[in-house]
């Protein structure tokens, strides 16, 4: 049984050929849609990491620093960057921190050292969100210059709790 498809082109195709043609195009369309959705998801995750997660991390550090000094610190201090409308510079510095850390992680030992060297950047930004990128990295390096081993031991002291949380 031959179907006359596109009679103006004079193309004759049987039913199986037509079905195969449309199913192949349908698979390609689904694959293309899947790639577009994956790319959109990665872009949204990237933007979330930069503009929400990193800024809330700075706000968390601000809350802890203020609760150490003052008795009644409101939880709304976590959103202080959003209230100040000071988002671009801290987001840029935290993005650079993430980028540099990722590049240093390609070297195993350098990644561990730089993890502790960059660990004070959120605290520095919590105190002064208008600081420049170079100054934030410099201050973090100065603050951790003889304390990287102590920070490592502090992280190591929580290893038991992390292991326990995996099993619960």
N, C-alpha and C. Protein backbone atom coordinates (compact mmCIF):
# COMPACT_ATOMS: atom_id res chain seq x y z
N UNK A 1 0.86 -1.17 0.00
CA UNK A 1 0.00 0.00 0.00
C UNK A 1 0.90 1.23 0.00
N UNK A 2 0.88 1.96 -1.05
CA UNK A 2 1.69 3.17 -1.15
C UNK A 2 0.79 4.37 -0.96
N UNK A 3 1.30 5.34 -0.19
CA UNK A 3 0.59 6.59 0.02
C UNK A 3 1.23 7.66 -0.85
N UNK A 4 0.41 8.48 -1.34
CA UNK A 4 0.93 9.58 -2.14
C UNK A 4 1.14 10.76 -1.18
N UNK A 5 2.41 10.99 -0.79
CA UNK A 5 2.77 12.08 0.11
C UNK A 5 3.40 13.17 -0.73
N UNK A 6 3.04 14.35 -0.46
CA UNK A 6 3.54 15.50 -1.21
C UNK A 6 3.39 15.27 -2.70
N UNK A 7 2.16 15.22 -3.18
CA UNK A 7 1.94 14.88 -4.58
C UNK A 7 2.58 15.86 -5.54
N UNK A 8 2.79 17.10 -5.09
CA UNK A 8 3.38 18.06 -6.01
C UNK A 8 4.86 17.78 -6.25
N UNK A 9 5.49 16.97 -5.35
CA UNK A 9 6.89 16.59 -5.57
C UNK A 9 7.00 15.23 -6.26
N UNK A 10 5.87 14.54 -6.32
CA UNK A 10 5.87 13.24 -6.97
C UNK A 10 6.55 12.18 -6.13
N UNK A 11 6.50 12.29 -4.78
CA UNK A 11 7.16 11.35 -3.89
C UNK A 11 6.19 10.26 -3.49
N UNK A 12 6.56 9.02 -3.68
CA UNK A 12 5.76 7.89 -3.23
C UNK A 12 6.47 7.24 -2.06
N UNK A 13 5.78 7.06 -0.92
CA UNK A 13 6.35 6.40 0.25
C UNK A 13 5.32 5.42 0.78
N UNK A 14 5.81 4.31 1.30
CA UNK A 14 4.87 3.39 1.95
C UNK A 14 4.68 3.83 3.40
N UNK A 15 3.75 3.18 4.09
CA UNK A 15 3.36 3.57 5.44
C UNK A 15 4.52 3.42 6.42
N UNK A 16 5.33 2.38 6.32
CA UNK A 16 6.45 2.15 7.23
C UNK A 16 7.50 3.26 7.10
N UNK A 17 7.75 3.71 5.89
CA UNK A 17 8.73 4.79 5.67
C UNK A 17 8.24 6.09 6.29
N UNK A 18 6.96 6.38 6.13
CA UNK A 18 6.39 7.60 6.70
C UNK A 18 6.45 7.54 8.22
N UNK A 19 6.11 6.38 8.79
CA UNK A 19 6.13 6.22 10.24
C UNK A 19 7.55 6.37 10.77
N UNK A 20 8.54 5.78 10.10
CA UNK A 20 9.93 5.87 10.51
C UNK A 20 10.42 7.32 10.42
N UNK A 21 10.01 8.03 9.35
CA UNK A 21 10.42 9.42 9.17
C UNK A 21 9.92 10.28 10.33
N UNK A 22 8.65 10.16 10.68
CA UNK A 22 8.09 10.98 11.74
C UNK A 22 8.60 10.57 13.12
N UNK A 23 8.84 9.29 13.35
CA UNK A 23 9.35 8.87 14.66
C UNK A 23 10.79 9.33 14.84
N UNK A 24 11.60 9.31 13.78
CA UNK A 24 12.98 9.80 13.87
C UNK A 24 13.00 11.29 14.16
N UNK A 25 12.16 12.06 13.49
CA UNK A 25 12.09 13.49 13.76
C UNK A 25 11.58 13.77 15.16
N UNK A 26 10.65 12.96 15.64
CA UNK A 26 10.11 13.13 16.98
C UNK A 26 11.20 12.88 18.03
N UNK A 27 12.03 11.86 17.81
CA UNK A 27 13.12 11.57 18.74
C UNK A 27 14.12 12.72 18.75
N UNK A 28 14.44 13.25 17.58
CA UNK A 28 15.37 14.38 17.51
C UNK A 28 14.78 15.60 18.19
N UNK A 29 13.50 15.84 18.02
CA UNK A 29 12.86 16.99 18.66
C UNK A 29 12.87 16.84 20.17
N UNK A 30 12.63 15.62 20.66
CA UNK A 30 12.66 15.38 22.10
C UNK A 30 14.07 15.54 22.65
N UNK A 31 15.06 15.07 21.91
CA UNK A 31 16.45 15.22 22.34
C UNK A 31 16.84 16.69 22.38
N UNK A 32 16.43 17.45 21.37
CA UNK A 32 16.72 18.88 21.35
C UNK A 32 16.04 19.59 22.51
N UNK A 33 14.80 19.23 22.77
CA UNK A 33 14.08 19.83 23.90
C UNK A 33 14.75 19.47 25.22
N UNK A 34 15.23 18.24 25.35
CA UNK A 34 15.92 17.82 26.55
C UNK A 34 17.22 18.59 26.76
N UNK A 35 17.95 18.83 25.68
CA UNK A 35 19.19 19.62 25.79
C UNK A 35 18.91 21.06 26.17
N UNK A 36 17.85 21.62 25.61
CA UNK A 36 17.49 23.00 25.94
C UNK A 36 17.07 23.09 27.41
N UNK A 37 16.28 22.13 27.88
CA UNK A 37 15.88 22.13 29.29
C UNK A 37 17.06 21.94 30.21
N UNK A 38 18.00 21.08 29.85
CA UNK A 38 19.19 20.86 30.67
C UNK A 38 20.04 22.13 30.73
N UNK A 39 20.20 22.80 29.58
CA UNK A 39 20.97 24.05 29.56
C UNK A 39 20.28 25.12 30.40
N UNK A 40 18.96 25.21 30.31
CA UNK A 40 18.23 26.19 31.11
C UNK A 40 18.34 25.87 32.59
N UNK A 41 18.30 24.59 32.93
CA UNK A 41 18.45 24.18 34.32
C UNK A 41 19.83 24.51 34.86
N UNK A 42 20.86 24.28 34.06
CA UNK A 42 22.22 24.62 34.48
C UNK A 42 22.38 26.13 34.66
N UNK A 43 21.80 26.90 33.76
CA UNK A 43 21.87 28.35 33.87
C UNK A 43 21.16 28.84 35.13
N UNK A 44 19.99 28.30 35.41
CA UNK A 44 19.26 28.69 36.62
C UNK A 44 20.01 28.29 37.88
N UNK A 45 20.61 27.10 37.89
CA UNK A 45 21.39 26.67 39.04
C UNK A 45 22.60 27.57 39.25
N UNK A 46 23.24 27.97 38.16
CA UNK A 46 24.39 28.87 38.22
C UNK A 46 23.99 30.22 38.79
N UNK A 47 22.89 30.79 38.29
CA UNK A 47 22.42 32.08 38.77
C UNK A 47 21.97 32.00 40.23
N UNK A 48 21.34 30.89 40.61
CA UNK A 48 20.94 30.69 42.00
C UNK A 48 22.16 30.66 42.91
N UNK A 49 23.19 29.96 42.48
CA UNK A 49 24.42 29.86 43.28
C UNK A 49 25.04 31.23 43.48
N UNK A 50 25.09 32.04 42.42
CA UNK A 50 25.75 33.34 42.50
C UNK A 50 24.92 34.36 43.27
N UNK A 51 23.66 34.50 42.91
CA UNK A 51 22.88 35.62 43.43
C UNK A 51 22.04 35.30 44.66
N UNK A 52 21.87 34.05 45.00
CA UNK A 52 21.07 33.74 46.18
C UNK A 52 21.90 32.99 47.21
N UNK A 53 22.45 31.86 46.84
CA UNK A 53 23.16 31.02 47.79
C UNK A 53 24.38 31.72 48.38
N UNK A 54 25.23 32.30 47.53
CA UNK A 54 26.43 32.97 48.03
C UNK A 54 26.08 34.19 48.88
N UNK A 55 25.07 34.94 48.49
CA UNK A 55 24.70 36.12 49.27
C UNK A 55 24.06 35.74 50.60
N UNK A 56 23.33 34.65 50.63
CA UNK A 56 22.78 34.17 51.91
C UNK A 56 23.89 33.62 52.80
N UNK A 57 24.94 33.06 52.22
CA UNK A 57 26.09 32.60 52.99
C UNK A 57 26.75 33.78 53.69
N UNK A 58 26.89 34.89 52.99
CA UNK A 58 27.46 36.10 53.59
C UNK A 58 26.53 36.61 54.70
N UNK A 59 25.23 36.58 54.45
CA UNK A 59 24.27 36.99 55.46
C UNK A 59 24.31 36.10 56.70
N UNK A 60 24.52 34.82 56.48
CA UNK A 60 24.65 33.89 57.61
C UNK A 60 25.85 34.27 58.47
N UNK A 61 26.97 34.57 57.84
CA UNK A 61 28.17 34.97 58.58
C UNK A 61 27.92 36.27 59.34
N UNK A 62 27.19 37.20 58.73
CA UNK A 62 26.86 38.46 59.40
C UNK A 62 25.99 38.20 60.63
N UNK A 63 25.02 37.31 60.50
CA UNK A 63 24.15 36.96 61.63
C UNK A 63 24.97 36.38 62.77
N UNK A 64 25.88 35.44 62.48
CA UNK A 64 26.68 34.83 63.53
C UNK A 64 27.62 35.83 64.19
N UNK A 65 28.20 36.73 63.41
CA UNK A 65 29.10 37.73 64.00
C UNK A 65 28.34 38.69 64.90
N UNK A 66 27.15 39.12 64.47
CA UNK A 66 26.36 40.03 65.29
C UNK A 66 25.77 39.33 66.51
N UNK A 67 25.38 38.06 66.38
CA UNK A 67 24.82 37.36 67.53
C UNK A 67 25.90 37.07 68.58
N UNK A 68 27.16 37.06 68.16
CA UNK A 68 28.26 36.91 69.11
C UNK A 68 28.43 38.19 69.93
N UNK A 69 28.17 39.33 69.32
CA UNK A 69 28.38 40.62 70.00
C UNK A 69 27.12 41.14 70.69
N UNK A 70 25.95 40.86 70.14
CA UNK A 70 24.70 41.40 70.66
C UNK A 70 23.77 40.26 71.06
N UNK A 71 23.01 40.50 72.13
CA UNK A 71 22.13 39.46 72.65
C UNK A 71 20.94 39.19 71.74
N UNK A 72 20.31 40.22 71.24
CA UNK A 72 19.07 40.06 70.48
C UNK A 72 19.32 40.40 69.01
N UNK A 73 19.86 39.48 68.31
CA UNK A 73 20.08 39.66 66.87
C UNK A 73 18.93 39.02 66.12
N UNK A 74 18.33 39.79 65.24
CA UNK A 74 17.19 39.29 64.47
C UNK A 74 17.68 38.39 63.33
N UNK A 75 16.91 37.37 63.04
CA UNK A 75 17.25 36.44 61.96
C UNK A 75 17.23 37.15 60.60
N UNK A 76 16.57 38.29 60.54
CA UNK A 76 16.50 39.03 59.29
C UNK A 76 17.86 39.59 58.87
N UNK A 77 18.86 39.52 59.74
CA UNK A 77 20.21 39.96 59.37
C UNK A 77 20.77 39.12 58.23
N UNK A 78 20.22 37.95 58.02
CA UNK A 78 20.68 37.10 56.91
C UNK A 78 20.45 37.80 55.58
N UNK A 79 19.44 38.63 55.50
CA UNK A 79 19.09 39.31 54.25
C UNK A 79 19.64 40.74 54.17
N UNK A 80 20.68 41.05 54.96
CA UNK A 80 21.14 42.43 55.03
C UNK A 80 21.66 42.94 53.69
N UNK A 81 22.26 42.09 52.87
CA UNK A 81 22.74 42.54 51.56
C UNK A 81 21.58 42.95 50.65
N UNK A 82 20.49 42.22 50.75
CA UNK A 82 19.32 42.54 49.94
C UNK A 82 18.69 43.85 50.42
N UNK A 83 18.70 44.08 51.75
CA UNK A 83 18.14 45.32 52.29
C UNK A 83 19.01 46.52 51.92
N UNK A 84 20.33 46.32 51.91
CA UNK A 84 21.24 47.40 51.53
C UNK A 84 21.28 47.63 50.03
N UNK A 85 20.71 46.70 49.29
CA UNK A 85 20.77 46.71 47.82
C UNK A 85 22.21 46.72 47.33
N UNK A 86 23.01 45.97 48.05
CA UNK A 86 24.42 45.84 47.72
C UNK A 86 24.65 44.38 47.32
N UNK A 87 24.38 44.07 46.06
CA UNK A 87 24.42 42.69 45.62
C UNK A 87 25.55 42.40 44.64
N UNK A 88 25.85 43.34 43.78
CA UNK A 88 26.77 43.06 42.67
C UNK A 88 28.19 42.76 43.13
N UNK A 89 28.75 43.61 43.96
CA UNK A 89 30.15 43.40 44.36
C UNK A 89 30.34 42.12 45.17
N UNK A 90 29.52 41.87 46.22
CA UNK A 90 29.69 40.60 46.93
C UNK A 90 29.43 39.38 46.05
N UNK A 91 28.47 39.48 45.16
CA UNK A 91 28.21 38.35 44.25
C UNK A 91 29.41 38.12 43.34
N UNK A 92 30.02 39.19 42.85
CA UNK A 92 31.19 39.07 41.98
C UNK A 92 32.37 38.47 42.74
N UNK A 93 32.61 38.92 43.97
CA UNK A 93 33.73 38.40 44.75
C UNK A 93 33.52 36.93 45.09
N UNK A 94 32.30 36.57 45.45
CA UNK A 94 32.03 35.15 45.75
C UNK A 94 32.12 34.29 44.50
N UNK A 95 31.72 34.84 43.35
CA UNK A 95 31.89 34.11 42.09
C UNK A 95 33.38 33.88 41.80
N UNK A 96 34.18 34.92 42.00
CA UNK A 96 35.63 34.77 41.80
C UNK A 96 36.21 33.75 42.76
N UNK A 97 35.74 33.78 44.00
CA UNK A 97 36.21 32.79 44.98
C UNK A 97 35.89 31.37 44.51
N UNK A 98 34.67 31.16 44.04
CA UNK A 98 34.26 29.84 43.55
C UNK A 98 35.08 29.43 42.32
N UNK A 99 35.27 30.38 41.41
CA UNK A 99 36.05 30.10 40.21
C UNK A 99 37.50 29.75 40.54
N UNK A 100 38.14 30.56 41.39
CA UNK A 100 39.53 30.30 41.75
C UNK A 100 39.66 28.98 42.50
N UNK A 101 38.70 28.72 43.40
CA UNK A 101 38.73 27.46 44.14
C UNK A 101 38.60 26.27 43.20
N UNK A 102 37.71 26.38 42.22
CA UNK A 102 37.53 25.31 41.25
C UNK A 102 38.81 25.07 40.46
N UNK A 103 39.47 26.13 40.04
CA UNK A 103 40.72 25.98 39.30
C UNK A 103 41.82 25.41 40.19
N UNK A 104 41.88 25.83 41.45
CA UNK A 104 42.89 25.28 42.34
C UNK A 104 42.60 23.82 42.67
N UNK A 105 41.35 23.41 42.62
CA UNK A 105 41.02 22.00 42.90
C UNK A 105 41.58 21.05 41.85
N UNK A 106 41.97 21.58 40.70
CA UNK A 106 42.61 20.73 39.69
C UNK A 106 43.97 20.24 40.17
N UNK A 107 44.59 20.98 41.07
CA UNK A 107 45.79 20.50 41.77
C UNK A 107 45.34 20.11 43.17
N UNK A 108 45.57 18.90 43.56
CA UNK A 108 44.97 18.38 44.80
C UNK A 108 45.42 19.15 46.02
N UNK A 109 46.72 19.29 46.23
CA UNK A 109 47.22 19.95 47.43
C UNK A 109 46.88 21.43 47.40
N UNK A 110 47.01 22.07 46.25
CA UNK A 110 46.67 23.48 46.13
C UNK A 110 45.21 23.75 46.43
N UNK A 111 44.34 22.84 46.04
CA UNK A 111 42.92 23.00 46.30
C UNK A 111 42.61 22.98 47.78
N UNK A 112 43.28 22.11 48.52
CA UNK A 112 43.05 22.04 49.97
C UNK A 112 43.57 23.30 50.65
N UNK A 113 44.76 23.74 50.26
CA UNK A 113 45.34 24.95 50.86
C UNK A 113 44.48 26.17 50.56
N UNK A 114 44.08 26.32 49.31
CA UNK A 114 43.28 27.49 48.92
C UNK A 114 41.88 27.46 49.53
N UNK A 115 41.35 26.26 49.79
CA UNK A 115 40.05 26.17 50.46
C UNK A 115 40.11 26.88 51.81
N UNK A 116 41.17 26.64 52.56
CA UNK A 116 41.30 27.29 53.86
C UNK A 116 41.75 28.74 53.73
N UNK A 117 42.49 29.05 52.69
CA UNK A 117 42.91 30.43 52.49
C UNK A 117 41.74 31.32 52.12
N UNK A 118 40.80 30.81 51.36
CA UNK A 118 39.64 31.59 50.94
C UNK A 118 38.47 31.49 51.92
N UNK A 119 38.63 30.77 53.01
CA UNK A 119 37.50 30.51 53.91
C UNK A 119 37.01 31.75 54.66
N UNK A 120 37.83 32.77 54.76
CA UNK A 120 37.43 33.98 55.50
C UNK A 120 36.76 35.03 54.63
N UNK A 121 36.70 34.80 53.34
CA UNK A 121 36.11 35.80 52.43
C UNK A 121 34.65 36.11 52.77
N UNK A 122 33.80 35.12 53.06
CA UNK A 122 32.41 35.48 53.43
C UNK A 122 32.33 36.33 54.70
N UNK A 123 33.22 36.10 55.67
CA UNK A 123 33.24 36.91 56.89
C UNK A 123 33.67 38.34 56.59
N UNK A 124 34.67 38.48 55.72
CA UNK A 124 35.16 39.80 55.34
C UNK A 124 34.05 40.57 54.62
N UNK A 125 33.35 39.90 53.73
CA UNK A 125 32.24 40.55 53.00
C UNK A 125 31.07 40.86 53.93
N UNK A 126 30.89 40.07 54.97
CA UNK A 126 29.82 40.34 55.93
C UNK A 126 30.11 41.61 56.72
N UNK A 127 31.39 41.88 56.98
CA UNK A 127 31.75 43.11 57.67
C UNK A 127 31.77 44.31 56.75
N UNK A 128 32.25 44.10 55.53
CA UNK A 128 32.40 45.22 54.60
C UNK A 128 32.03 44.76 53.19
N UNK A 129 30.76 44.87 52.80
CA UNK A 129 30.34 44.40 51.48
C UNK A 129 30.88 45.24 50.32
N UNK A 130 31.43 46.43 50.60
CA UNK A 130 31.94 47.30 49.55
C UNK A 130 33.43 47.12 49.30
N UNK A 131 34.06 46.17 49.95
CA UNK A 131 35.50 45.96 49.80
C UNK A 131 35.80 45.46 48.38
N UNK A 132 36.99 45.76 47.90
CA UNK A 132 37.36 45.31 46.55
C UNK A 132 37.74 43.83 46.58
N UNK A 133 37.73 43.22 45.41
CA UNK A 133 38.06 41.80 45.31
C UNK A 133 39.48 41.53 45.79
N UNK A 134 40.42 42.33 45.33
CA UNK A 134 41.83 42.12 45.72
C UNK A 134 42.01 42.26 47.23
N UNK A 135 41.37 43.25 47.81
CA UNK A 135 41.50 43.45 49.26
C UNK A 135 40.87 42.30 50.04
N UNK A 136 39.73 41.81 49.57
CA UNK A 136 39.08 40.69 50.25
C UNK A 136 39.97 39.44 50.21
N UNK A 137 40.54 39.15 49.06
CA UNK A 137 41.42 37.98 48.96
C UNK A 137 42.69 38.18 49.77
N UNK A 138 43.23 39.40 49.77
CA UNK A 138 44.44 39.69 50.54
C UNK A 138 44.18 39.55 52.03
N UNK A 139 43.07 40.13 52.52
CA UNK A 139 42.74 40.02 53.94
C UNK A 139 42.50 38.57 54.35
N UNK A 140 41.84 37.81 53.51
CA UNK A 140 41.60 36.41 53.82
C UNK A 140 42.92 35.65 53.91
N UNK A 141 43.82 35.96 53.00
CA UNK A 141 45.15 35.31 53.02
C UNK A 141 45.90 35.68 54.30
N UNK A 142 45.81 36.95 54.71
CA UNK A 142 46.48 37.40 55.92
C UNK A 142 45.87 36.76 57.17
N UNK A 143 44.54 36.67 57.20
CA UNK A 143 43.87 36.10 58.37
C UNK A 143 44.17 34.61 58.55
N UNK A 144 44.38 33.92 57.46
CA UNK A 144 44.60 32.47 57.54
C UNK A 144 46.06 32.07 57.37
N UNK A 145 46.97 33.04 57.37
CA UNK A 145 48.36 32.73 57.04
C UNK A 145 48.98 31.69 57.99
N UNK A 146 48.73 31.76 59.27
CA UNK A 146 49.28 30.77 60.20
C UNK A 146 48.19 29.94 60.86
N UNK A 147 47.01 29.94 60.27
CA UNK A 147 45.88 29.25 60.89
C UNK A 147 45.25 28.18 60.02
N UNK A 148 45.84 27.87 58.89
CA UNK A 148 45.26 26.86 58.00
C UNK A 148 45.22 25.49 58.67
N UNK A 149 46.28 25.14 59.38
CA UNK A 149 46.32 23.85 60.07
C UNK A 149 45.25 23.80 61.15
N UNK A 150 45.04 24.89 61.88
CA UNK A 150 44.01 24.92 62.91
C UNK A 150 42.61 24.79 62.29
N UNK A 151 42.40 25.44 61.16
CA UNK A 151 41.12 25.31 60.46
C UNK A 151 40.91 23.88 59.96
N UNK A 152 41.97 23.25 59.48
CA UNK A 152 41.87 21.86 59.04
C UNK A 152 41.51 20.95 60.20
N UNK A 153 42.16 21.15 61.35
CA UNK A 153 41.85 20.33 62.53
C UNK A 153 40.42 20.57 63.02
N UNK A 154 39.96 21.81 62.89
CA UNK A 154 38.57 22.10 63.26
C UNK A 154 37.61 21.33 62.35
N UNK A 155 37.86 21.35 61.05
CA UNK A 155 37.03 20.57 60.13
C UNK A 155 37.12 19.09 60.42
N UNK A 156 38.30 18.62 60.76
CA UNK A 156 38.50 17.20 61.06
C UNK A 156 37.76 16.79 62.32
N UNK A 157 37.61 17.72 63.27
CA UNK A 157 36.90 17.40 64.51
C UNK A 157 35.41 17.14 64.27
N UNK A 158 34.88 17.64 63.17
CA UNK A 158 33.48 17.41 62.84
C UNK A 158 33.27 16.20 61.94
N UNK A 159 34.33 15.50 61.59
CA UNK A 159 34.22 14.36 60.68
C UNK A 159 33.32 13.26 61.24
N UNK A 160 33.38 13.03 62.55
CA UNK A 160 32.53 12.02 63.17
C UNK A 160 31.05 12.36 63.03
N UNK A 161 30.72 13.63 63.19
CA UNK A 161 29.32 14.06 63.05
C UNK A 161 28.86 13.93 61.60
N UNK A 162 29.73 14.24 60.67
CA UNK A 162 29.38 14.10 59.26
C UNK A 162 29.14 12.64 58.94
N UNK A 163 30.01 11.77 59.42
CA UNK A 163 29.85 10.34 59.19
C UNK A 163 28.57 9.82 59.82
N UNK A 164 28.26 10.29 61.01
CA UNK A 164 27.04 9.88 61.69
C UNK A 164 25.80 10.35 60.93
N UNK A 165 25.86 11.54 60.36
CA UNK A 165 24.69 12.05 59.63
C UNK A 165 24.46 11.28 58.33
N UNK A 166 25.49 10.66 57.78
CA UNK A 166 25.32 9.84 56.59
C UNK A 166 24.49 8.61 56.90
N UNK A 167 24.67 8.06 58.10
CA UNK A 167 23.97 6.82 58.47
C UNK A 167 22.59 7.05 59.07
N UNK A 168 22.22 8.31 59.29
CA UNK A 168 20.88 8.56 59.85
C UNK A 168 19.94 9.10 58.81
